[in-house]
């Protein structure tokens, strides 16, 4: 949870989305399998004609379950990026604000898929008659929740380690859905795209720094150095990490973390990307702190609205972020 300004979140929807996005990084114990992926309990690959109707898997919380070899009615709230990348359409898609806020960047594939509240009410989940439920984090299955969901359908919790590494999460989801090879190919294609973009940026601008900010009313949030769009900018595209981003990320665990006015004034990024701002850009830049930022002074500040993928993560979201960065900087 991945395009340029126009429609905006309502403030309440934005704040609610923030809570969900921040919580996406929590939960889950260490996975039972050594590589962090789903671990079939039965033997290796067989020819299609002899494949069993079910596979036995163990999730990150140690739950062993029988999963359909080829599930057809999947609920995987907040994991839809991975599903779409694997050519799978869920029976319901993640939403907040009474279904008004969804992952807009995925709607080219999911526009006809009904929404389900992010908290996954049991009755609503049951109404979709899923044959597999994928949980984004352990928090979603805390307490007696797992037992309740598992009565509806086999329920697999992905886990914290994978949740904090979208690549591992994609591979895990691919294993659970019996699409391991498709997941590996999607990841390889993404890495090839990222490497090419990295080379283009290095040739055009050299070593320049960047930061991603999410203004929400009186508070502003900055992306973590190693999570969400920060992972794309700094690891995949090789952009320099500003010292302020390093400092905040050192003690943070969430994708997005509040930045004080004092620290914002110290942000010396060459490029700034604004995501889903609840404040109009014209109003934002009248603030002396914002107006004094180096990126603003040099006209190197770019804005993307809630149609974009910048608040999300995954092979599709990150690929679109790469496109946005290239189109902004290399225009």
C-alpha atoms as a PDB file:
ATOM      1  CA  UNK A   1       0.000   0.000   0.000  1.00  0.00           C
ATOM      2  CA  UNK A   2       1.064   2.406  -5.603  1.00  0.00           C
ATOM      3  CA  UNK A   3      -1.297  10.433 -10.613  1.00  0.00           C
ATOM      4  CA  UNK A   4      -0.519  14.000 -10.612  1.00  0.00           C
ATOM      5  CA  UNK A   5      -2.569  16.455  -8.529  1.00  0.00           C
ATOM      6  CA  UNK A   6      -6.290  16.980  -9.323  1.00  0.00           C
ATOM      7  CA  UNK A   7      -8.599  15.004  -6.953  1.00  0.00           C
ATOM      8  CA  UNK A   8      -7.502  14.905  -3.281  1.00  0.00           C
ATOM      9  CA  UNK A   9      -8.270  12.874  -0.205  1.00  0.00           C
ATOM     10  CA  UNK A  10     -10.708  14.449   2.148  1.00  0.00           C
ATOM     11  CA  UNK A  11      -8.793  15.182   5.355  1.00  0.00           C
ATOM     12  CA  UNK A  12     -10.581  12.432   7.282  1.00  0.00           C
ATOM     13  CA  UNK A  13      -9.992   9.858   4.573  1.00  0.00           C
ATOM     14  CA  UNK A  14      -6.343  10.853   4.362  1.00  0.00           C
ATOM     15  CA  UNK A  15      -5.819  10.527   8.104  1.00  0.00           C
ATOM     16  CA  UNK A  16      -7.619   7.183   8.159  1.00  0.00           C
ATOM     17  CA  UNK A  17      -5.509   5.993   5.241  1.00  0.00           C
ATOM     18  CA  UNK A  18      -2.410   7.093   7.139  1.00  0.00           C
ATOM     19  CA  UNK A  19      -3.353   4.962  10.131  1.00  0.00           C
ATOM     20  CA  UNK A  20      -3.810   1.932   7.881  1.00  0.00           C
ATOM     21  CA  UNK A  21      -0.596   2.593   5.978  1.00  0.00           C
ATOM     22  CA  UNK A  22       1.457   2.988   9.142  1.00  0.00           C
ATOM     23  CA  UNK A  23      -0.028  -0.139  10.672  1.00  0.00           C
ATOM     24  CA  UNK A  24       0.818  -2.169   7.574  1.00  0.00           C
ATOM     25  CA  UNK A  25       4.388  -2.447   8.839  1.00  0.00           C
ATOM     26  CA  UNK A  26       3.480  -4.077  12.154  1.00  0.00           C
ATOM     27  CA  UNK A  27       2.481  -7.548  13.320  1.00  0.00           C
ATOM     28  CA  UNK A  28       3.527 -11.093  12.475  1.00  0.00           C
ATOM     29  CA  UNK A  29       6.110 -13.262  14.154  1.00  0.00           C
ATOM     30  CA  UNK A  30       9.081 -14.754  12.378  1.00  0.00           C
ATOM     31  CA  UNK A  31       8.055 -17.133   9.574  1.00  0.00           C
ATOM     32  CA  UNK A  32       8.143 -20.840  10.224  1.00  0.00           C
ATOM     33  CA  UNK A  33      10.062 -21.598   7.029  1.00  0.00           C
ATOM     34  CA  UNK A  34      13.728 -20.638   6.729  1.00  0.00           C
ATOM     35  CA  UNK A  35      13.344 -18.575   3.574  1.00  0.00           C
ATOM     36  CA  UNK A  36      10.288 -16.626   4.772  1.00  0.00           C
ATOM     37  CA  UNK A  37       8.045 -18.056   2.056  1.00  0.00           C
ATOM     38  CA  UNK A  38       5.138 -20.481   2.152  1.00  0.00           C
ATOM     39  CA  UNK A  39       6.376 -23.992   2.809  1.00  0.00           C
ATOM     40  CA  UNK A  40       4.473 -26.875   1.203  1.00  0.00           C
ATOM     41  CA  UNK A  41       4.497 -29.874   3.488  1.00  0.00           C
ATOM     42  CA  UNK A  42       4.141 -32.341   0.646  1.00  0.00           C
ATOM     43  CA  UNK A  43       6.632 -33.281  -2.075  1.00  0.00           C
ATOM     44  CA  UNK A  44       8.022 -31.340  -5.008  1.00  0.00           C
ATOM     45  CA  UNK A  45       6.477 -30.304  -8.307  1.00  0.00           C
ATOM     46  CA  UNK A  46       4.508 -32.886 -10.236  1.00  0.00           C
ATOM     47  CA  UNK A  47       2.947 -32.868 -13.663  1.00  0.00           C
ATOM     48  CA  UNK A  48      -0.268 -30.932 -13.816  1.00  0.00           C
ATOM     49  CA  UNK A  49      -2.451 -34.038 -14.158  1.00  0.00           C
ATOM     50  CA  UNK A  50      -1.237 -35.451 -10.839  1.00  0.00           C
ATOM     51  CA  UNK A  51      -1.276 -32.262  -8.754  1.00  0.00           C
ATOM     52  CA  UNK A  52      -3.312 -32.605  -5.553  1.00  0.00           C
ATOM     53  CA  UNK A  53      -6.425 -30.505  -5.072  1.00  0.00           C
ATOM     54  CA  UNK A  54      -4.907 -29.063  -1.896  1.00  0.00           C
ATOM     55  CA  UNK A  55      -1.496 -28.201  -0.501  1.00  0.00           C
ATOM     56  CA  UNK A  56      -0.471 -28.067   3.146  1.00  0.00           C
ATOM     57  CA  UNK A  57       1.201 -24.767   4.072  1.00  0.00           C
ATOM     58  CA  UNK A  58       2.525 -23.218   7.275  1.00  0.00           C
ATOM     59  CA  UNK A  59       2.197 -19.457   7.694  1.00  0.00           C
ATOM     60  CA  UNK A  60       4.385 -16.960   9.571  1.00  0.00           C
ATOM     61  CA  UNK A  61       2.507 -17.570  12.829  1.00  0.00           C
ATOM     62  CA  UNK A  62       3.032 -21.320  12.678  1.00  0.00           C
ATOM     63  CA  UNK A  63      -0.493 -22.184  11.559  1.00  0.00           C
ATOM     64  CA  UNK A  64      -0.627 -25.263   9.360  1.00  0.00           C
ATOM     65  CA  UNK A  65      -3.501 -25.369   6.899  1.00  0.00           C
ATOM     66  CA  UNK A  66      -4.800 -26.986   3.755  1.00  0.00           C
ATOM     67  CA  UNK A  67      -4.992 -24.493   0.895  1.00  0.00           C
ATOM     68  CA  UNK A  68      -6.611 -25.078  -2.513  1.00  0.00           C
ATOM     69  CA  UNK A  69      -3.936 -25.785  -5.112  1.00  0.00           C
ATOM     70  CA  UNK A  70      -5.507 -23.095  -7.288  1.00  0.00           C
ATOM     71  CA  UNK A  71      -7.696 -20.832  -5.123  1.00  0.00           C
ATOM     72  CA  UNK A  72     -10.341 -18.911  -7.042  1.00  0.00           C
ATOM     73  CA  UNK A  73     -12.078 -16.725  -4.447  1.00  0.00           C
ATOM     74  CA  UNK A  74      -9.352 -14.824  -2.629  1.00  0.00           C
ATOM     75  CA  UNK A  75      -9.518 -12.017  -0.105  1.00  0.00           C
ATOM     76  CA  UNK A  76      -6.071 -10.479   0.372  1.00  0.00           C
ATOM     77  CA  UNK A  77      -6.735  -7.057   1.836  1.00  0.00           C
ATOM     78  CA  UNK A  78      -3.868  -4.618   1.144  1.00  0.00           C
ATOM     79  CA  UNK A  79      -1.998  -7.288  -0.832  1.00  0.00           C
ATOM     80  CA  UNK A  80      -3.803  -6.561  -4.085  1.00  0.00           C
ATOM     81  CA  UNK A  81      -0.676  -5.191  -5.793  1.00  0.00           C
ATOM     82  CA  UNK A  82       0.869  -8.649  -5.594  1.00  0.00           C
ATOM     83  CA  UNK A  83      -2.297 -10.342  -6.784  1.00  0.00           C
ATOM     84  CA  UNK A  84      -2.631  -8.114  -9.832  1.00  0.00           C
ATOM     85  CA  UNK A  85       1.062  -8.612 -10.649  1.00  0.00           C
ATOM     86  CA  UNK A  86       0.424 -12.367 -10.599  1.00  0.00           C
ATOM     87  CA  UNK A  87      -2.659 -12.119 -12.809  1.00  0.00           C
ATOM     88  CA  UNK A  88      -5.079 -12.844  -9.956  1.00  0.00           C
ATOM     89  CA  UNK A  89      -8.275 -10.898  -9.305  1.00  0.00           C
ATOM     90  CA  UNK A  90      -9.595 -11.012  -5.711  1.00  0.00           C
ATOM     91  CA  UNK A  91     -13.308 -11.279  -4.896  1.00  0.00           C
ATOM     92  CA  UNK A  92     -13.077  -8.071  -2.825  1.00  0.00           C
ATOM     93  CA  UNK A  93     -10.543  -5.246  -2.528  1.00  0.00           C
ATOM     94  CA  UNK A  94      -9.180  -3.195   0.390  1.00  0.00           C
ATOM     95  CA  UNK A  95     -10.886   0.102   1.149  1.00  0.00           C
ATOM     96  CA  UNK A  96     -11.322   2.749   3.846  1.00  0.00           C
ATOM     97  CA  UNK A  97     -13.764   5.602   4.379  1.00  0.00           C
ATOM     98  CA  UNK A  98     -16.846   3.457   3.628  1.00  0.00           C
ATOM     99  CA  UNK A  99     -15.364   2.195   0.392  1.00  0.00           C
ATOM    100  CA  UNK A 100     -14.595   5.655  -0.967  1.00  0.00           C
ATOM    101  CA  UNK A 101     -10.825   5.249  -0.754  1.00  0.00           C
ATOM    102  CA  UNK A 102      -9.195   2.380  -2.625  1.00  0.00           C
ATOM    103  CA  UNK A 103      -5.831   1.802  -4.258  1.00  0.00           C
ATOM    104  CA  UNK A 104      -6.611   3.953  -7.275  1.00  0.00           C
ATOM    105  CA  UNK A 105      -3.538   2.955  -9.252  1.00  0.00           C
ATOM    106  CA  UNK A 106      -4.839  -0.641  -9.432  1.00  0.00           C
ATOM    107  CA  UNK A 107      -8.309   0.213 -10.672  1.00  0.00           C
ATOM    108  CA  UNK A 108      -7.457  -0.537 -14.291  1.00  0.00           C
ATOM    109  CA  UNK A 109      -7.687  -4.167 -13.128  1.00  0.00           C
ATOM    110  CA  UNK A 110      -9.906  -3.895 -10.055  1.00  0.00           C
ATOM    111  CA  UNK A 111     -12.550  -1.344 -11.077  1.00  0.00           C
ATOM    112  CA  UNK A 112     -15.297  -3.977 -11.076  1.00  0.00           C
ATOM    113  CA  UNK A 113     -14.177  -5.679  -7.842  1.00  0.00           C
ATOM    114  CA  UNK A 114     -16.384  -4.910  -4.795  1.00  0.00           C
ATOM    115  CA  UNK A 115     -14.764  -3.198  -1.827  1.00  0.00           C
ATOM    116  CA  UNK A 116     -14.372  -4.592   1.676  1.00  0.00           C
ATOM    117  CA  UNK A 117     -13.571  -2.511   4.782  1.00  0.00           C
ATOM    118  CA  UNK A 118      -9.911  -2.690   5.748  1.00  0.00           C
ATOM    119  CA  UNK A 119     -10.775  -4.109   9.185  1.00  0.00           C
ATOM    120  CA  UNK A 120     -12.378  -7.143   7.459  1.00  0.00           C
ATOM    121  CA  UNK A 121     -15.668  -7.586   9.369  1.00  0.00           C
ATOM    122  CA  UNK A 122     -16.391 -11.303   9.730  1.00  0.00           C
ATOM    123  CA  UNK A 123     -19.888 -11.108   8.296  1.00  0.00           C
ATOM    124  CA  UNK A 124     -18.674  -9.211   5.255  1.00  0.00           C
ATOM    125  CA  UNK A 125     -15.791 -11.610   4.678  1.00  0.00           C
ATOM    126  CA  UNK A 126     -18.208 -14.542   4.956  1.00  0.00           C
ATOM    127  CA  UNK A 127     -20.581 -12.959   2.431  1.00  0.00           C
ATOM    128  CA  UNK A 128     -17.887 -13.193  -0.270  1.00  0.00           C
ATOM    129  CA  UNK A 129     -17.479 -16.960   0.310  1.00  0.00           C
ATOM    130  CA  UNK A 130     -13.683 -16.930  -0.041  1.00  0.00           C
ATOM    131  CA  UNK A 131     -11.694 -20.138  -0.466  1.00  0.00           C
ATOM    132  CA  UNK A 132      -8.530 -18.403   0.812  1.00  0.00           C
ATOM    133  CA  UNK A 133      -7.870 -15.427   3.091  1.00  0.00           C
ATOM    134  CA  UNK A 134      -4.451 -13.761   3.023  1.00  0.00           C
ATOM    135  CA  UNK A 135      -3.588 -11.517   5.957  1.00  0.00           C
ATOM    136  CA  UNK A 136      -1.168  -8.645   5.380  1.00  0.00           C
ATOM    137  CA  UNK A 137       0.141  -8.700   8.964  1.00  0.00           C
ATOM    138  CA  UNK A 138      -0.216 -10.564  12.253  1.00  0.00           C
ATOM    139  CA  UNK A 139      -2.202  -7.675  13.765  1.00  0.00           C
ATOM    140  CA  UNK A 140      -5.080  -8.516  11.443  1.00  0.00           C
ATOM    141  CA  UNK A 141      -5.259 -11.978  13.043  1.00  0.00           C
ATOM    142  CA  UNK A 142      -4.557 -10.963  16.651  1.00  0.00           C
ATOM    143  CA  UNK A 143      -6.478 -12.446  19.581  1.00  0.00           C
ATOM    144  CA  UNK A 144      -9.275 -14.739  18.475  1.00  0.00           C
ATOM    145  CA  UNK A 145      -9.491 -13.159  15.022  1.00  0.00           C
ATOM    146  CA  UNK A 146      -7.477 -15.884  13.345  1.00  0.00           C
ATOM    147  CA  UNK A 147      -9.717 -18.612  14.700  1.00  0.00           C
ATOM    148  CA  UNK A 148     -12.797 -16.766  13.484  1.00  0.00           C
ATOM    149  CA  UNK A 149     -11.404 -16.160   9.993  1.00  0.00           C
ATOM    150  CA  UNK A 150     -10.121 -19.731   9.672  1.00  0.00           C
ATOM    151  CA  UNK A 151     -13.671 -20.968  10.202  1.00  0.00           C
ATOM    152  CA  UNK A 152     -14.625 -19.120   7.023  1.00  0.00           C
ATOM    153  CA  UNK A 153     -11.680 -20.228   4.865  1.00  0.00           C
ATOM    154  CA  UNK A 154      -7.999 -21.221   5.127  1.00  0.00           C
ATOM    155  CA  UNK A 155      -6.294 -18.116   6.519  1.00  0.00           C
ATOM    156  CA  UNK A 156      -2.610 -17.382   5.863  1.00  0.00           C
ATOM    157  CA  UNK A 157      -0.752 -14.618   7.709  1.00  0.00           C
ATOM    158  CA  UNK A 158       2.182 -13.288   5.670  1.00  0.00           C
ATOM    159  CA  UNK A 159       4.246 -11.916   8.576  1.00  0.00           C
ATOM    160  CA  UNK A 160       6.259  -8.902   9.668  1.00  0.00           C
ATOM    161  CA  UNK A 161       9.570  -9.671   7.974  1.00  0.00           C
ATOM    162  CA  UNK A 162       7.934 -10.076   4.584  1.00  0.00           C
ATOM    163  CA  UNK A 163       5.589  -7.158   5.247  1.00  0.00           C
ATOM    164  CA  UNK A 164       8.649  -4.916   5.635  1.00  0.00           C
ATOM    165  CA  UNK A 165      10.213  -6.275   2.437  1.00  0.00           C
ATOM    166  CA  UNK A 166       7.835  -6.127  -0.492  1.00  0.00           C
ATOM    167  CA  UNK A 167      10.034  -8.444  -2.548  1.00  0.00           C
ATOM    168  CA  UNK A 168       9.809 -11.215   0.027  1.00  0.00           C
ATOM    169  CA  UNK A 169       6.108 -10.509   0.416  1.00  0.00           C
ATOM    170  CA  UNK A 170       5.562 -10.918  -3.335  1.00  0.00           C
ATOM    171  CA  UNK A 171       7.477 -14.211  -3.359  1.00  0.00           C
ATOM    172  CA  UNK A 172       5.511 -15.453  -0.352  1.00  0.00           C
ATOM    173  CA  UNK A 173       2.176 -14.579  -1.929  1.00  0.00           C
ATOM    174  CA  UNK A 174       3.347 -16.255  -5.133  1.00  0.00           C
ATOM    175  CA  UNK A 175       4.129 -19.440  -3.208  1.00  0.00           C
ATOM    176  CA  UNK A 176       0.789 -19.450  -1.414  1.00  0.00           C
ATOM    177  CA  UNK A 177      -1.096 -18.975  -4.680  1.00  0.00           C
ATOM    178  CA  UNK A 178       0.967 -21.671  -6.426  1.00  0.00           C
ATOM    179  CA  UNK A 179       2.458 -18.995  -8.705  1.00  0.00           C
ATOM    180  CA  UNK A 180       6.069 -18.994  -7.561  1.00  0.00           C
ATOM    181  CA  UNK A 181       7.505 -18.746 -11.079  1.00  0.00           C
ATOM    182  CA  UNK A 182       5.209 -15.875 -11.999  1.00  0.00           C
ATOM    183  CA  UNK A 183       6.335 -14.010  -8.867  1.00  0.00           C
ATOM    184  CA  UNK A 184      10.003 -14.508  -9.705  1.00  0.00           C
ATOM    185  CA  UNK A 185       9.454 -13.227 -13.247  1.00  0.00           C
ATOM    186  CA  UNK A 186       7.532 -10.159 -12.055  1.00  0.00           C
ATOM    187  CA  UNK A 187      10.386  -9.370  -9.668  1.00  0.00           C
ATOM    188  CA  UNK A 188      13.039  -9.885 -12.347  1.00  0.00           C
ATOM    189  CA  UNK A 189      11.169  -7.599 -14.756  1.00  0.00           C
ATOM    190  CA  UNK A 190      10.913  -4.931 -12.083  1.00  0.00           C
ATOM    191  CA  UNK A 191      14.606  -5.137 -11.210  1.00  0.00           C
ATOM    192  CA  UNK A 192      15.515  -4.745 -14.885  1.00  0.00           C
ATOM    193  CA  UNK A 193      13.344  -1.642 -15.103  1.00  0.00           C
ATOM    194  CA  UNK A 194      14.799  -0.187 -11.900  1.00  0.00           C
ATOM    195  CA  UNK A 195      18.377  -0.796 -13.044  1.00  0.00           C
ATOM    196  CA  UNK A 196      17.726   0.926 -16.358  1.00  0.00           C
ATOM    197  CA  UNK A 197      16.116   3.902 -14.604  1.00  0.00           C
ATOM    198  CA  UNK A 198      19.012   4.111 -12.153  1.00  0.00           C
ATOM    199  CA  UNK A 199      21.492   4.339 -15.021  1.00  0.00           C
ATOM    200  CA  UNK A 200      19.448   7.061 -16.739  1.00  0.00           C
ATOM    201  CA  UNK A 201      19.291   9.162 -13.583  1.00  0.00           C
ATOM    202  CA  UNK A 202      22.983   8.766 -12.821  1.00  0.00           C
ATOM    203  CA  UNK A 203      23.874   9.807 -16.360  1.00  0.00           C
ATOM    204  CA  UNK A 204      21.556  12.831 -16.267  1.00  0.00           C
ATOM    205  CA  UNK A 205      21.943  14.257 -12.762  1.00  0.00           C
ATOM    206  CA  UNK A 206      24.695  12.313 -10.997  1.00  0.00           C
ATOM    207  CA  UNK A 207      24.445  11.938  -7.230  1.00  0.00           C
ATOM    208  CA  UNK A 208      21.457  14.016  -6.138  1.00  0.00           C
ATOM    209  CA  UNK A 209      19.293  13.707  -3.041  1.00  0.00           C
ATOM    210  CA  UNK A 210      15.520  13.403  -2.810  1.00  0.00           C
ATOM    211  CA  UNK A 211      12.758  13.199  -0.211  1.00  0.00           C
ATOM    212  CA  UNK A 212       9.078  12.272  -0.215  1.00  0.00           C
ATOM    213  CA  UNK A 213       6.661  14.275   1.942  1.00  0.00           C
ATOM    214  CA  UNK A 214       2.991  13.756   2.771  1.00  0.00           C
ATOM    215  CA  UNK A 215       1.377  16.966   4.117  1.00  0.00           C
ATOM    216  CA  UNK A 216      -1.769  16.256   6.121  1.00  0.00           C
ATOM    217  CA  UNK A 217      -3.284  19.393   7.580  1.00  0.00           C
ATOM    218  CA  UNK A 218      -1.029  20.757  10.307  1.00  0.00           C
ATOM    219  CA  UNK A 219       1.230  17.691  10.242  1.00  0.00           C
ATOM    220  CA  UNK A 220       3.696  16.577   7.601  1.00  0.00           C
ATOM    221  CA  UNK A 221       5.025  13.044   7.215  1.00  0.00           C
ATOM    222  CA  UNK A 222       8.235  11.903   5.557  1.00  0.00           C
ATOM    223  CA  UNK A 223       8.848   8.474   4.066  1.00  0.00           C
ATOM    224  CA  UNK A 224      11.196   6.005   5.741  1.00  0.00           C
ATOM    225  CA  UNK A 225      14.590   5.539   4.122  1.00  0.00           C
ATOM    226  CA  UNK A 226      14.049   1.801   3.598  1.00  0.00           C
ATOM    227  CA  UNK A 227      10.276   1.474   3.236  1.00  0.00           C
ATOM    228  CA  UNK A 228       7.591   2.311   0.672  1.00  0.00           C
ATOM    229  CA  UNK A 229       8.717   4.925  -1.884  1.00  0.00           C
ATOM    230  CA  UNK A 230      11.892   5.490   0.139  1.00  0.00           C
ATOM    231  CA  UNK A 231      13.023   2.001  -0.826  1.00  0.00           C
ATOM    232  CA  UNK A 232      12.444   2.879  -4.485  1.00  0.00           C
ATOM    233  CA  UNK A 233      14.280   6.206  -4.404  1.00  0.00           C
ATOM    234  CA  UNK A 234      17.280   5.203  -2.369  1.00  0.00           C
ATOM    235  CA  UNK A 235      17.851   1.507  -3.031  1.00  0.00           C
ATOM    236  CA  UNK A 236      16.480   1.017  -6.544  1.00  0.00           C
ATOM    237  CA  UNK A 237      17.190   4.409  -8.100  1.00  0.00           C
ATOM    238  CA  UNK A 238      20.345   5.182  -6.132  1.00  0.00           C
ATOM    239  CA  UNK A 239      19.368   8.680  -5.055  1.00  0.00           C
ATOM    240  CA  UNK A 240      21.175  10.172  -2.063  1.00  0.00           C
ATOM    241  CA  UNK A 241      19.443  10.024   1.330  1.00  0.00           C
ATOM    242  CA  UNK A 242      19.188  13.472   3.006  1.00  0.00           C
ATOM    243  CA  UNK A 243      20.613  13.588   6.528  1.00  0.00           C
ATOM    244  CA  UNK A 244      17.183  14.459   7.969  1.00  0.00           C
ATOM    245  CA  UNK A 245      15.684  11.335   6.396  1.00  0.00           C
ATOM    246  CA  UNK A 246      18.519   9.224   7.800  1.00  0.00           C
ATOM    247  CA  UNK A 247      18.033  10.694  11.260  1.00  0.00           C
ATOM    248  CA  UNK A 248      14.285  10.120  11.375  1.00  0.00           C
ATOM    249  CA  UNK A 249      14.520   6.637   9.847  1.00  0.00           C
ATOM    250  CA  UNK A 250      17.145   5.492  12.358  1.00  0.00           C
ATOM    251  CA  UNK A 251      14.565   5.129  15.133  1.00  0.00           C
ATOM    252  CA  UNK A 252      11.372   4.736  13.078  1.00  0.00           C
ATOM    253  CA  UNK A 253       9.544   1.554  12.108  1.00  0.00           C
ATOM    254  CA  UNK A 254       6.581   2.959  10.152  1.00  0.00           C
ATOM    255  CA  UNK A 255       6.498   3.702   6.431  1.00  0.00           C
ATOM    256  CA  UNK A 256       5.631   7.339   7.139  1.00  0.00           C
ATOM    257  CA  UNK A 257       6.822   9.349  10.136  1.00  0.00           C
ATOM    258  CA  UNK A 258       5.956  12.838  11.293  1.00  0.00           C
ATOM    259  CA  UNK A 259       8.589  15.494  10.667  1.00  0.00           C
ATOM    260  CA  UNK A 260       8.712  18.594  12.853  1.00  0.00           C
ATOM    261  CA  UNK A 261       8.848  22.110  11.441  1.00  0.00           C
ATOM    262  CA  UNK A 262      12.402  22.416  12.753  1.00  0.00           C
ATOM    263  CA  UNK A 263      13.566  19.288  10.935  1.00  0.00           C
ATOM    264  CA  UNK A 264      11.650  20.221   7.796  1.00  0.00           C
ATOM    265  CA  UNK A 265      13.592  23.478   7.684  1.00  0.00           C
ATOM    266  CA  UNK A 266      16.802  21.422   7.660  1.00  0.00           C
ATOM    267  CA  UNK A 267      15.749  19.257   4.709  1.00  0.00           C
ATOM    268  CA  UNK A 268      18.380  19.945   2.047  1.00  0.00           C
ATOM    269  CA  UNK A 269      17.057  17.544  -0.605  1.00  0.00           C
ATOM    270  CA  UNK A 270      17.723  18.451  -4.241  1.00  0.00           C
ATOM    271  CA  UNK A 271      14.329  17.041  -5.224  1.00  0.00           C
ATOM    272  CA  UNK A 272      11.094  16.823  -3.254  1.00  0.00           C
ATOM    273  CA  UNK A 273       8.094  14.695  -4.158  1.00  0.00           C
ATOM    274  CA  UNK A 274       4.774  15.690  -2.546  1.00  0.00           C
ATOM    275  CA  UNK A 275       2.203  12.926  -2.141  1.00  0.00           C
ATOM    276  CA  UNK A 276      -1.559  13.329  -1.689  1.00  0.00           C
ATOM    277  CA  UNK A 277      -1.279  16.665   0.054  1.00  0.00           C
ATOM    278  CA  UNK A 278      -4.285  17.794   2.076  1.00  0.00           C
ATOM    279  CA  UNK A 279      -3.036  21.347   1.569  1.00  0.00           C
ATOM    280  CA  UNK A 280      -3.056  23.089  -1.857  1.00  0.00           C
ATOM    281  CA  UNK A 281       0.447  23.534  -3.220  1.00  0.00           C
ATOM    282  CA  UNK A 282       0.000  27.304  -3.540  1.00  0.00           C
ATOM    283  CA  UNK A 283      -0.901  27.533   0.133  1.00  0.00           C
ATOM    284  CA  UNK A 284       1.856  25.147   1.167  1.00  0.00           C
ATOM    285  CA  UNK A 285       4.559  27.194  -0.519  1.00  0.00           C
ATOM    286  CA  UNK A 286       3.484  30.437   1.147  1.00  0.00           C
ATOM    287  CA  UNK A 287       4.849  28.982   4.383  1.00  0.00           C
ATOM    288  CA  UNK A 288       8.349  30.465   4.919  1.00  0.00           C
ATOM    289  CA  UNK A 289       9.787  27.070   5.864  1.00  0.00           C
ATOM    290  CA  UNK A 290       8.617  25.442   2.664  1.00  0.00           C
ATOM    291  CA  UNK A 291       9.549  28.444   0.551  1.00  0.00           C
ATOM    292  CA  UNK A 292      13.082  28.290   1.939  1.00  0.00           C
ATOM    293  CA  UNK A 293      13.768  24.660   1.001  1.00  0.00           C
ATOM    294  CA  UNK A 294      16.500  24.238  -1.667  1.00  0.00           C
ATOM    295  CA  UNK A 295      14.301  22.022  -3.868  1.00  0.00           C
ATOM    296  CA  UNK A 296      11.541  24.651  -3.824  1.00  0.00           C
ATOM    297  CA  UNK A 297      13.941  27.480  -4.631  1.00  0.00           C
ATOM    298  CA  UNK A 298      15.196  25.555  -7.663  1.00  0.00           C
ATOM    299  CA  UNK A 299      11.717  24.545  -8.838  1.00  0.00           C
ATOM    300  CA  UNK A 300      12.450  20.880  -8.227  1.00  0.00           C
ATOM    301  CA  UNK A 301       9.336  19.979  -6.270  1.00  0.00           C
ATOM    302  CA  UNK A 302       6.753  17.639  -7.817  1.00  0.00           C
ATOM    303  CA  UNK A 303       3.287  16.678  -6.663  1.00  0.00           C
ATOM    304  CA  UNK A 304       1.248  13.501  -7.085  1.00  0.00           C
ATOM    305  CA  UNK A 305      -2.330  13.029  -5.964  1.00  0.00           C
ATOM    306  CA  UNK A 306      -4.254  10.080  -4.560  1.00  0.00           C
ATOM    307  CA  UNK A 307      -4.566   8.562  -8.028  1.00  0.00           C
ATOM    308  CA  UNK A 308      -0.860   7.753  -7.797  1.00  0.00           C
ATOM    309  CA  UNK A 309       0.888   4.790  -6.203  1.00  0.00           C
ATOM    310  CA  UNK A 310       3.273   6.723  -3.925  1.00  0.00           C
ATOM    311  CA  UNK A 311       1.520   5.720  -0.692  1.00  0.00           C
ATOM    312  CA  UNK A 312       1.728   2.021  -1.530  1.00  0.00           C
ATOM    313  CA  UNK A 313       4.337  -0.584  -2.361  1.00  0.00           C
ATOM    314  CA  UNK A 314       4.707  -3.586  -4.623  1.00  0.00           C
ATOM    315  CA  UNK A 315       6.001  -4.370  -8.069  1.00  0.00           C
ATOM    316  CA  UNK A 316       3.215  -2.376  -9.749  1.00  0.00           C
ATOM    317  CA  UNK A 317       3.200   0.566  -7.325  1.00  0.00           C
ATOM    318  CA  UNK A 318       6.976   0.880  -7.404  1.00  0.00           C
ATOM    319  CA  UNK A 319       7.123   0.598 -11.173  1.00  0.00           C
ATOM    320  CA  UNK A 320       4.751   3.542 -11.443  1.00  0.00           C
ATOM    321  CA  UNK A 321       6.830   5.515  -8.929  1.00  0.00           C
ATOM    322  CA  UNK A 322       9.883   4.945 -11.132  1.00  0.00           C
ATOM    323  CA  UNK A 323       7.936   6.301 -14.113  1.00  0.00           C
ATOM    324  CA  UNK A 324       6.927   9.361 -12.088  1.00  0.00           C
ATOM    325  CA  UNK A 325      10.497  10.079 -11.016  1.00  0.00           C
ATOM    326  CA  UNK A 326      11.863   9.799 -14.551  1.00  0.00           C
ATOM    327  CA  UNK A 327       9.058  11.899 -16.032  1.00  0.00           C
ATOM    328  CA  UNK A 328       9.617  14.588 -13.376  1.00  0.00           C
ATOM    329  CA  UNK A 329      13.396  14.841 -13.333  1.00  0.00           C
ATOM    330  CA  UNK A 330      14.216  13.999 -16.948  1.00  0.00           C
ATOM    331  CA  UNK A 331      11.413  15.954 -18.590  1.00  0.00           C
END
